[in-house]
Amino acid sequence: MAILTFLLIGWILSWFRFERLFSQAFKELFNKEVSSATYYFMFLLIGILGEIVLLFQGAYYEFFLNS
């Protein structure tokens, strides 16, 4: 669920041109051009890390126990 949440946040932020801000900041920091795919991929990675944290905190314990 965290993956979808972070992708939705990335999509909503793109309405406010956050994607352009991210691209410009990435270019200035690392001297690399990035696309919108990189922007959404970063939100995907954050969501995956969130899911891993939830897994280790035991949030999915009951889900796996009842399956």
C-alpha atoms as a PDB file:
ATOM      1  CA  MET A   1       0.000   0.000   0.000  1.00  0.00           C
ATOM      2  CA  ALA A   2       2.897   2.361   0.682  1.00  0.00           C
ATOM      3  CA  ILE A   3       4.089   1.929  -2.900  1.00  0.00           C
ATOM      4  CA  LEU A   4       0.783   3.149  -4.314  1.00  0.00           C
ATOM      5  CA  THR A   5       0.645   5.942  -1.754  1.00  0.00           C
ATOM      6  CA  PHE A   6       4.043   7.317  -2.715  1.00  0.00           C
ATOM      7  CA  LEU A   7       3.324   7.020  -6.440  1.00  0.00           C
ATOM      8  CA  LEU A   8       0.078   8.934  -5.863  1.00  0.00           C
ATOM      9  CA  ILE A   9       1.986  11.593  -3.919  1.00  0.00           C
ATOM     10  CA  GLY A  10       4.474  11.887  -6.784  1.00  0.00           C
ATOM     11  CA  TRP A  11       1.637  12.253  -9.272  1.00  0.00           C
ATOM     12  CA  ILE A  12      -0.101  14.940  -7.204  1.00  0.00           C
ATOM     13  CA  LEU A  13       3.174  16.827  -6.707  1.00  0.00           C
ATOM     14  CA  SER A  14       3.713  16.775 -10.469  1.00  0.00           C
ATOM     15  CA  TRP A  15       0.570  18.932 -10.788  1.00  0.00           C
ATOM     16  CA  PHE A  16       2.497  21.649  -8.959  1.00  0.00           C
ATOM     17  CA  ARG A  17       5.610  21.262 -11.168  1.00  0.00           C
ATOM     18  CA  PHE A  18       7.593  19.446  -8.465  1.00  0.00           C
ATOM     19  CA  GLU A  19       8.912  17.187 -11.209  1.00  0.00           C
ATOM     20  CA  ARG A  20      10.704  20.135 -12.825  1.00  0.00           C
ATOM     21  CA  LEU A  21      12.148  21.150  -9.447  1.00  0.00           C
ATOM     22  CA  PHE A  22      13.390  17.598  -8.892  1.00  0.00           C
ATOM     23  CA  SER A  23      14.960  17.436 -12.354  1.00  0.00           C
ATOM     24  CA  GLN A  24      16.715  20.781 -11.919  1.00  0.00           C
ATOM     25  CA  ALA A  25      17.993  19.904  -8.450  1.00  0.00           C
ATOM     26  CA  PHE A  26      19.268  16.527  -9.635  1.00  0.00           C
ATOM     27  CA  LYS A  27      21.033  18.192 -12.555  1.00  0.00           C
ATOM     28  CA  GLU A  28      22.708  20.773 -10.317  1.00  0.00           C
ATOM     29  CA  LEU A  29      23.733  18.255  -7.662  1.00  0.00           C
ATOM     30  CA  PHE A  30      24.934  15.384  -9.848  1.00  0.00           C
ATOM     31  CA  ASN A  31      25.362  16.997 -13.282  1.00  0.00           C
ATOM     32  CA  LYS A  32      23.042  14.374 -14.843  1.00  0.00           C
ATOM     33  CA  GLU A  33      19.897  14.841 -16.896  1.00  0.00           C
ATOM     34  CA  VAL A  34      16.868  12.956 -15.561  1.00  0.00           C
ATOM     35  CA  SER A  35      13.470  12.261 -17.052  1.00  0.00           C
ATOM     36  CA  SER A  36      10.005  11.924 -15.586  1.00  0.00           C
ATOM     37  CA  ALA A  37      10.618   8.169 -15.390  1.00  0.00           C
ATOM     38  CA  THR A  38      13.417   8.817 -12.905  1.00  0.00           C
ATOM     39  CA  TYR A  39      11.102  11.068 -10.900  1.00  0.00           C
ATOM     40  CA  TYR A  40       8.453   8.358 -10.542  1.00  0.00           C
ATOM     41  CA  PHE A  41      11.098   5.674  -9.999  1.00  0.00           C
ATOM     42  CA  MET A  42      12.377   7.608  -6.963  1.00  0.00           C
ATOM     43  CA  PHE A  43       8.878   7.637  -5.476  1.00  0.00           C
ATOM     44  CA  LEU A  44       8.581   3.918  -6.242  1.00  0.00           C
ATOM     45  CA  LEU A  45      11.828   3.235  -4.361  1.00  0.00           C
ATOM     46  CA  ILE A  46      10.653   5.285  -1.383  1.00  0.00           C
ATOM     47  CA  GLY A  47       7.424   3.275  -1.377  1.00  0.00           C
ATOM     48  CA  ILE A  48       9.308  -0.017  -1.507  1.00  0.00           C
ATOM     49  CA  LEU A  49      11.469   1.064   1.423  1.00  0.00           C
ATOM     50  CA  GLY A  50       8.289   2.007   3.285  1.00  0.00           C
ATOM     51  CA  GLU A  51       6.850  -1.445   2.640  1.00  0.00           C
ATOM     52  CA  ILE A  52      10.038  -3.088   3.924  1.00  0.00           C
ATOM     53  CA  VAL A  53       9.902  -0.993   7.097  1.00  0.00           C
ATOM     54  CA  LEU A  54       6.253  -1.947   7.628  1.00  0.00           C
ATOM     55  CA  LEU A  55       7.126  -5.601   7.091  1.00  0.00           C
ATOM     56  CA  PHE A  56       9.853  -5.506   9.745  1.00  0.00           C
ATOM     57  CA  GLN A  57       7.576  -3.625  12.153  1.00  0.00           C
ATOM     58  CA  GLY A  58       5.091  -6.470  11.935  1.00  0.00           C
ATOM     59  CA  ALA A  59       2.322  -4.621  10.119  1.00  0.00           C
ATOM     60  CA  TYR A  60       1.778  -7.616   7.823  1.00  0.00           C
ATOM     61  CA  TYR A  61       2.036 -10.245  10.552  1.00  0.00           C
ATOM     62  CA  GLU A  62      -1.726 -10.825  10.730  1.00  0.00           C
ATOM     63  CA  PHE A  63      -2.065 -10.875   6.938  1.00  0.00           C
ATOM     64  CA  PHE A  64       0.490 -13.654   6.569  1.00  0.00           C
ATOM     65  CA  LEU A  65      -0.791 -15.483   9.653  1.00  0.00           C
ATOM     66  CA  ASN A  66      -4.379 -15.652   8.349  1.00  0.00           C
ATOM     67  CA  SER A  67      -3.430 -16.677   4.819  1.00  0.00           C
END
